[in-house]
Amino acid sequence: MPSRSEATDTTPLPHSIALRAAENDLQTLRGRLRTVAEFIHDPAHDFAARHALALSLGLPVPTPTPAARQTKEVTR
């Protein structure tokens, strides 16, 4: 039977260390995915490049911005 001090030991278990590392990696990947998605949907960049990137990564493709709306955004 473990003593009371052994039961309250705060030393991380090996699986909790691995879980923390996996969570950190996942957070990094989510940040990168957010950056890529922002690029793909930013009309300031070339549409063909954004479209090709989205297709190659299996992400939703951007919709072309009407010419009138593009000039309005640029002139603001």
Protein backbone atom coordinates (compact mmCIF):
# COMPACT_ATOMS: atom_id res chain seq x y z
CA MET A 1 0.00 0.00 0.00
CA PRO A 2 1.52 3.37 -0.99
CA SER A 3 2.17 5.88 1.74
CA ARG A 4 0.35 9.20 1.81
CA SER A 5 3.43 11.08 0.54
CA GLU A 6 3.68 8.79 -2.50
CA ALA A 7 0.02 9.36 -3.38
CA THR A 8 0.42 13.16 -3.40
CA ASP A 9 3.69 13.23 -5.32
CA THR A 10 3.57 15.98 -8.00
CA THR A 11 6.21 14.45 -10.27
CA PRO A 12 4.76 14.38 -13.81
CA LEU A 13 4.07 10.95 -15.16
CA PRO A 14 5.71 9.98 -18.48
CA HIS A 15 2.39 9.93 -20.33
CA SER A 16 1.52 13.44 -19.07
CA ILE A 17 4.83 14.75 -20.43
CA ALA A 18 4.08 13.16 -23.82
CA LEU A 19 0.56 14.58 -23.75
CA ARG A 20 1.87 18.09 -23.05
CA ALA A 21 4.33 17.76 -25.96
CA ALA A 22 1.52 16.61 -28.27
CA GLU A 23 -0.68 19.52 -27.17
CA ASN A 24 2.15 21.98 -27.84
CA ASP A 25 2.71 20.48 -31.31
CA LEU A 26 -1.00 20.69 -32.05
CA GLN A 27 -1.10 24.34 -30.99
CA THR A 28 1.82 25.09 -33.32
CA LEU A 29 0.14 23.32 -36.23
CA ARG A 30 -3.15 25.15 -35.63
CA GLY A 31 -1.29 28.46 -35.71
CA ARG A 32 0.35 27.54 -39.01
CA LEU A 33 -2.96 26.44 -40.48
CA ARG A 34 -4.54 29.75 -39.41
CA THR A 35 -1.71 31.67 -41.11
CA VAL A 36 -2.13 29.68 -44.32
CA ALA A 37 -5.92 30.13 -44.28
CA GLU A 38 -5.51 33.88 -43.81
CA PHE A 39 -3.16 33.99 -46.80
CA ILE A 40 -5.51 31.90 -48.95
CA HIS A 41 -8.44 34.22 -48.29
CA ASP A 42 -6.53 37.52 -48.52
CA PRO A 43 -7.45 39.20 -51.83
CA ALA A 44 -4.23 41.25 -51.73
CA HIS A 45 -2.37 38.16 -53.00
CA ASP A 46 -2.55 36.59 -56.46
CA PHE A 47 -5.78 34.59 -56.81
CA ALA A 48 -4.21 31.79 -58.88
CA ALA A 49 -1.50 31.22 -56.27
CA ARG A 50 -4.01 31.24 -53.41
CA HIS A 51 -6.31 28.86 -55.29
CA ALA A 52 -3.49 26.43 -56.14
CA LEU A 53 -2.24 26.46 -52.54
CA ALA A 54 -5.71 25.70 -51.19
CA LEU A 55 -6.15 22.84 -53.65
CA SER A 56 -2.76 21.31 -52.88
CA LEU A 57 -3.41 21.43 -49.13
CA GLY A 58 -6.98 20.18 -49.37
CA LEU A 59 -8.38 23.40 -47.89
CA PRO A 60 -11.47 25.33 -49.02
CA VAL A 61 -10.61 27.37 -52.11
CA PRO A 62 -11.01 31.15 -52.08
CA THR A 63 -13.79 32.76 -54.05
CA PRO A 64 -12.75 35.26 -56.70
CA THR A 65 -13.38 38.85 -55.66
CA PRO A 66 -15.37 40.90 -58.19
CA ALA A 67 -13.22 43.52 -59.93
CA ALA A 68 -15.33 46.42 -58.63
CA ARG A 69 -14.86 45.25 -55.04
CA GLN A 70 -11.10 44.77 -55.50
CA THR A 71 -10.60 48.36 -56.68
CA LYS A 72 -12.79 49.67 -53.86
CA GLU A 73 -10.64 47.86 -51.26
CA VAL A 74 -7.41 49.09 -52.83
CA THR A 75 -8.51 52.74 -52.94
CA ARG A 76 -9.53 52.91 -49.29
